[in-house]
Amino acid sequence: MADSAVLVGGPDDLLERIVAAPAPGEDLKIPHRGGYEHFKPTSRHQDGPQGPLPVYEWWERTEIAE
């Protein structure tokens, strides 16, 4: 299992594109600009510093309730 995952899509100012990987099959929720960017796992992999990393693709943004 990879320790990291690659994020594709989402806001251009989301600078961290290699992040800690969640448990297999789980979505990623990244805090960003007063909300969360949501990424879903794909079947793709991309070469990274640790070898092939799972790719997570952006699918929505939610706001943090105040």
N, C-alpha and C. Protein backbone atom coordinates (compact mmCIF):
# COMPACT_ATOMS: atom_id res chain seq x y z
N MET A 1 0.85 -1.18 0.00
CA MET A 1 0.00 0.00 0.00
C MET A 1 0.90 1.24 0.00
N ALA A 2 0.52 2.22 -0.80
CA ALA A 2 1.27 3.49 -0.87
C ALA A 2 0.98 4.32 0.37
N ASP A 3 2.01 5.03 0.83
CA ASP A 3 1.84 5.94 1.96
C ASP A 3 1.32 7.29 1.51
N SER A 4 1.42 7.56 0.21
CA SER A 4 1.03 8.86 -0.34
C SER A 4 0.09 8.66 -1.51
N ALA A 5 -0.58 9.76 -1.87
CA ALA A 5 -1.49 9.77 -3.02
C ALA A 5 -1.27 11.07 -3.78
N VAL A 6 -1.62 11.04 -5.08
CA VAL A 6 -1.51 12.22 -5.94
C VAL A 6 -2.91 12.80 -6.15
N LEU A 7 -3.03 14.13 -6.01
CA LEU A 7 -4.29 14.83 -6.24
C LEU A 7 -4.27 15.46 -7.63
N VAL A 8 -5.34 15.25 -8.39
CA VAL A 8 -5.48 15.90 -9.70
C VAL A 8 -6.79 16.67 -9.73
N GLY A 9 -6.77 17.81 -10.42
CA GLY A 9 -7.96 18.65 -10.51
C GLY A 9 -8.07 19.55 -9.29
N GLY A 10 -9.21 20.19 -9.18
CA GLY A 10 -9.44 21.11 -8.06
C GLY A 10 -8.83 22.47 -8.32
N PRO A 11 -8.79 23.31 -7.29
CA PRO A 11 -8.32 24.69 -7.45
C PRO A 11 -6.83 24.74 -7.81
N ASP A 12 -6.49 25.72 -8.66
CA ASP A 12 -5.10 25.90 -9.08
C ASP A 12 -4.18 26.28 -7.93
N ASP A 13 -4.73 26.94 -6.89
CA ASP A 13 -3.88 27.37 -5.78
C ASP A 13 -3.73 26.31 -4.68
N LEU A 14 -4.21 25.11 -4.93
CA LEU A 14 -3.98 23.99 -4.01
C LEU A 14 -2.60 23.44 -4.34
N LEU A 15 -1.60 23.84 -3.55
CA LEU A 15 -0.21 23.57 -3.89
C LEU A 15 0.24 22.15 -3.54
N GLU A 16 -0.26 21.58 -2.44
CA GLU A 16 0.13 20.22 -2.06
C GLU A 16 -0.59 19.24 -2.97
N ARG A 17 0.14 18.57 -3.82
CA ARG A 17 -0.46 17.60 -4.75
C ARG A 17 -0.09 16.17 -4.42
N ILE A 18 0.86 15.97 -3.51
CA ILE A 18 1.16 14.64 -2.98
C ILE A 18 0.87 14.71 -1.48
N VAL A 19 -0.09 13.89 -1.05
CA VAL A 19 -0.58 13.94 0.33
C VAL A 19 -0.59 12.53 0.93
N ALA A 20 -0.80 12.45 2.23
CA ALA A 20 -0.93 11.14 2.89
C ALA A 20 -2.16 10.42 2.33
N ALA A 21 -1.98 9.15 2.03
CA ALA A 21 -3.08 8.36 1.45
C ALA A 21 -4.02 7.86 2.55
N PRO A 22 -5.31 7.91 2.29
CA PRO A 22 -6.27 7.34 3.25
C PRO A 22 -6.31 5.82 3.09
N ALA A 23 -7.14 5.16 3.86
CA ALA A 23 -7.35 3.72 3.70
C ALA A 23 -7.89 3.47 2.29
N PRO A 24 -7.57 2.34 1.71
CA PRO A 24 -8.03 2.04 0.34
C PRO A 24 -9.55 2.22 0.19
N GLY A 25 -9.94 2.90 -0.89
CA GLY A 25 -11.35 3.10 -1.19
C GLY A 25 -11.97 4.32 -0.54
N GLU A 26 -11.28 4.95 0.42
CA GLU A 26 -11.85 6.13 1.09
C GLU A 26 -11.56 7.40 0.29
N ASP A 27 -12.48 8.37 0.38
CA ASP A 27 -12.28 9.68 -0.25
C ASP A 27 -11.30 10.50 0.60
N LEU A 28 -10.73 11.53 -0.03
CA LEU A 28 -9.88 12.50 0.67
C LEU A 28 -10.63 13.80 0.82
N LYS A 29 -10.50 14.45 1.97
CA LYS A 29 -11.12 15.75 2.24
C LYS A 29 -10.00 16.67 2.70
N ILE A 30 -9.65 17.67 1.88
CA ILE A 30 -8.52 18.55 2.14
C ILE A 30 -9.04 19.94 2.53
N PRO A 31 -8.70 20.45 3.74
CA PRO A 31 -9.10 21.81 4.10
C PRO A 31 -8.39 22.82 3.20
N HIS A 32 -9.16 23.79 2.69
CA HIS A 32 -8.58 24.77 1.77
C HIS A 32 -9.49 25.98 1.67
N ARG A 33 -8.95 27.19 1.91
CA ARG A 33 -9.66 28.47 1.75
C ARG A 33 -11.06 28.47 2.38
N GLY A 34 -11.17 28.08 3.63
CA GLY A 34 -12.45 28.16 4.33
C GLY A 34 -13.44 27.07 3.95
N GLY A 35 -12.96 26.02 3.33
CA GLY A 35 -13.84 24.91 2.96
C GLY A 35 -13.03 23.64 2.83
N TYR A 36 -13.61 22.67 2.15
CA TYR A 36 -12.93 21.40 1.91
C TYR A 36 -12.99 21.07 0.43
N GLU A 37 -11.88 20.59 -0.09
CA GLU A 37 -11.83 20.05 -1.45
C GLU A 37 -11.92 18.54 -1.31
N HIS A 38 -12.82 17.93 -2.07
CA HIS A 38 -13.06 16.49 -1.97
C HIS A 38 -12.49 15.79 -3.19
N PHE A 39 -11.78 14.71 -2.95
CA PHE A 39 -11.15 13.93 -4.00
C PHE A 39 -11.56 12.47 -3.85
N LYS A 40 -11.88 11.83 -4.99
CA LYS A 40 -12.28 10.42 -5.00
C LYS A 40 -11.16 9.57 -5.59
N PRO A 41 -11.01 8.34 -5.10
CA PRO A 41 -9.98 7.47 -5.67
C PRO A 41 -10.32 7.08 -7.11
N THR A 42 -9.30 6.90 -7.91
CA THR A 42 -9.46 6.40 -9.28
C THR A 42 -8.70 5.08 -9.38
N SER A 43 -8.78 4.44 -10.51
CA SER A 43 -8.01 3.21 -10.73
C SER A 43 -6.62 3.52 -11.28
N ARG A 44 -6.33 4.81 -11.49
CA ARG A 44 -5.04 5.22 -12.08
C ARG A 44 -3.95 5.33 -11.03
N HIS A 45 -2.71 5.27 -11.52
CA HIS A 45 -1.52 5.51 -10.70
C HIS A 45 -0.61 6.46 -11.45
N GLN A 46 0.21 7.20 -10.70
CA GLN A 46 1.16 8.15 -11.29
C GLN A 46 2.49 7.97 -10.58
N ASP A 47 3.58 8.06 -11.33
CA ASP A 47 4.91 7.93 -10.73
C ASP A 47 5.14 9.07 -9.76
N GLY A 48 5.64 8.74 -8.58
CA GLY A 48 5.97 9.72 -7.56
C GLY A 48 7.29 9.36 -6.93
N PRO A 49 7.70 10.09 -5.90
CA PRO A 49 8.99 9.84 -5.26
C PRO A 49 9.11 8.44 -4.64
N GLN A 50 7.98 7.83 -4.28
CA GLN A 50 7.98 6.50 -3.66
C GLN A 50 7.64 5.41 -4.68
N GLY A 51 7.58 5.75 -5.96
CA GLY A 51 7.12 4.80 -6.97
C GLY A 51 5.70 5.13 -7.38
N PRO A 52 4.97 4.16 -7.93
CA PRO A 52 3.59 4.44 -8.38
C PRO A 52 2.69 4.80 -7.20
N LEU A 53 1.99 5.94 -7.34
CA LEU A 53 1.07 6.41 -6.29
C LEU A 53 -0.35 6.41 -6.83
N PRO A 54 -1.34 6.08 -5.98
CA PRO A 54 -2.73 6.14 -6.41
C PRO A 54 -3.12 7.59 -6.72
N VAL A 55 -3.96 7.75 -7.73
CA VAL A 55 -4.44 9.07 -8.15
C VAL A 55 -5.85 9.29 -7.60
N TYR A 56 -6.04 10.46 -6.97
CA TYR A 56 -7.36 10.88 -6.48
C TYR A 56 -7.76 12.10 -7.28
N GLU A 57 -9.01 12.09 -7.76
CA GLU A 57 -9.49 13.15 -8.65
C GLU A 57 -10.51 14.02 -7.91
N TRP A 58 -10.36 15.34 -8.09
CA TRP A 58 -11.27 16.30 -7.45
C TRP A 58 -12.69 16.08 -7.97
N TRP A 59 -13.68 16.20 -7.07
CA TRP A 59 -15.07 16.09 -7.51
C TRP A 59 -16.00 17.12 -6.92
N GLU A 60 -15.65 17.76 -5.79
CA GLU A 60 -16.51 18.83 -5.28
C GLU A 60 -15.82 19.62 -4.19
N ARG A 61 -16.40 20.76 -3.88
CA ARG A 61 -15.97 21.61 -2.77
C ARG A 61 -17.15 21.83 -1.85
N THR A 62 -16.90 21.80 -0.55
CA THR A 62 -17.92 22.16 0.43
C THR A 62 -17.38 23.26 1.31
N GLU A 63 -18.25 24.08 1.84
CA GLU A 63 -17.87 25.18 2.73
C GLU A 63 -17.90 24.70 4.17
N ILE A 64 -17.05 25.29 5.01
CA ILE A 64 -17.05 25.00 6.43
C ILE A 64 -18.13 25.87 7.09
N ALA A 65 -19.03 25.24 7.82
CA ALA A 65 -20.11 25.98 8.49
C ALA A 65 -19.53 26.80 9.63
N GLU A 66 -20.03 28.02 9.77
CA GLU A 66 -19.55 28.89 10.85
C GLU A 66 -20.46 28.83 12.04
